[in-house]
Amino acid sequence: MKHLSVPLPLWARVVLLTGLVGVALGAGLVAYRVYSKPVTLTLAVGSFDGEASKIASLVASRLDAAKSVVRIRIIPTDSVLDSAKAFAAGKSDLAIVRADVGDLSQARSVVLVNKSVLMILALPGSGLNSIEKLRGHTVGVIGGEINGKIVEALKKEYDLGDKVTFRNIAPADTPRAIQSKEAGAFLAVVPLNEKYLSLIRRFFFRGSHNSLPILIPVESAGAIADVEGAYESFDIPLGTLRGNPPVPDADLTTLRVGSYLVANKTLDPDLITTLTQAVISARNDLVRDQPLLAGLTAPDTDPDAYIAVHPGAAAYYNGTQQSFMDRYSNWIYLTPMVLGALASIFAAGWRFLGIARAEPTEATMKTLFALPRRIREVTSDAELTEIENQVDAALDAEMANAVKNENAQDIATLVSLAQRLEDSIHRRRMMLAGRPPLSES
């Protein structure tokens, strides 16, 4: 026994197809929203004077205003040390850190933020003008634990051991410690810009030019830098602190260390390329009105750099980022295939609705093949003549198409069909006239 399938009514097919189209469009919209949604990276940043946070805020605001595909969400910390700890613990994707502070094993540099210089400042009139003369004295370490590594490097190079007492001093307590002479000298690591130089002059100046501090050189800076890759030897220019006579009175050797915007090494290189380009563009757009951004520049891209550059940042600086064709070649290749598949799906849906129109040729042929039945039911010669005229017109049109397309099979079919129809009309006409049809010889 055959099981006959009952076709769905048209309204049900329309509802079903509409639902499928809705689901497909919804999935496409969700995919587009996910793809086009900006990527937000978290940035741990903090410093005792808030300058690093201001730099980060300026850049983050610029990225938001420019509707960049990558954005920054700031996680404030109390110091560069806390930023390094948060980054090492995986609590942030990015951080602004100093190269000699914290665990940076997962860090890859993106942008150099600035460079800070070691300044060992002896009290005026103390007679302390070299590291060797610091033995038996106390040195106040402004920033405390943040400068722990540089203190250890000095101890090791100059064999200070317990011969010099290094006492941690909070930045806010520095003016009081200087005024009360809690230490014979003070160690600070700061950028050489007017903001910090003015701060140092205010700390030490007490009403006469001779009250400016004495800058102590680090003559073995090159040797320390060879051992500790975070540092480099640097000469503080003559007269940096001004004064009369100028302080220092000649170029003075010391150490310098960089601060960087770093990214976790596991972050996607293309994402970091976009971030690097956005940060540098923001710097170029804002630096005239925001001098704080002047220090933002490319980090050391050498393979042996102390903090290796992130591959995504290196691609931007070296001009090797992927081109449009490299990045979207897969999409360009797949788009025609996807469009073809969609066209096939649309055609299938159209057929599923059952409202597809037959091709004109196909419809005409079906009509012609159905004529013998109609001819057998004709009751007058006039009707036969009308059918005969319709057949002649239809056959002429279809024969012209077949000849034009050089379709031999269609031509043969039309010839055979014409003979059959002619014979059927003749037989019916003879029958209506009461005469038997002539037999073919």
Foldseek 3Di string as FASTA:
>chain_A
DDDDDDADDLVVLVVVVVVVVVVVVVVVVVVVCVVQAAAEFEEEEEAQVCLRVVLLVLLQVLCVVVVFSYHYDYDYDHHLQVRQVCVVVVVGFKYWHWLQHHDCPQWAFQKFQAKWFKWKWFWQPLPDAAPVVQFQWEEEEEPPPRCVVVVVLVCVVVVNVVRYHYHYDYNVCQLVCNVVVVTRIYIDIGGLDPVVLVVQCVSQDDPALSRRTATHADVCQCVSCVVPVQKDKDWDAWQSSPGVVRHPNHTGIGIMGIIGIIGGLPDDLQNSLSVSVSSVVSLVVCCVPPVSRVRIDHDDQDCPHSRHHRNSSNCNVVVNDDDPCRVCVVVVVCVVVVVVVVVVVVVVSVVSSVPDDDDPLVVLVVVLVPVLVVLLVDQDLVVLVVVVVVLVVSLVVQCVVCVVVVPPVSNVVSVVSVVVSVVSSQQSVCVNVVHGHDDDD
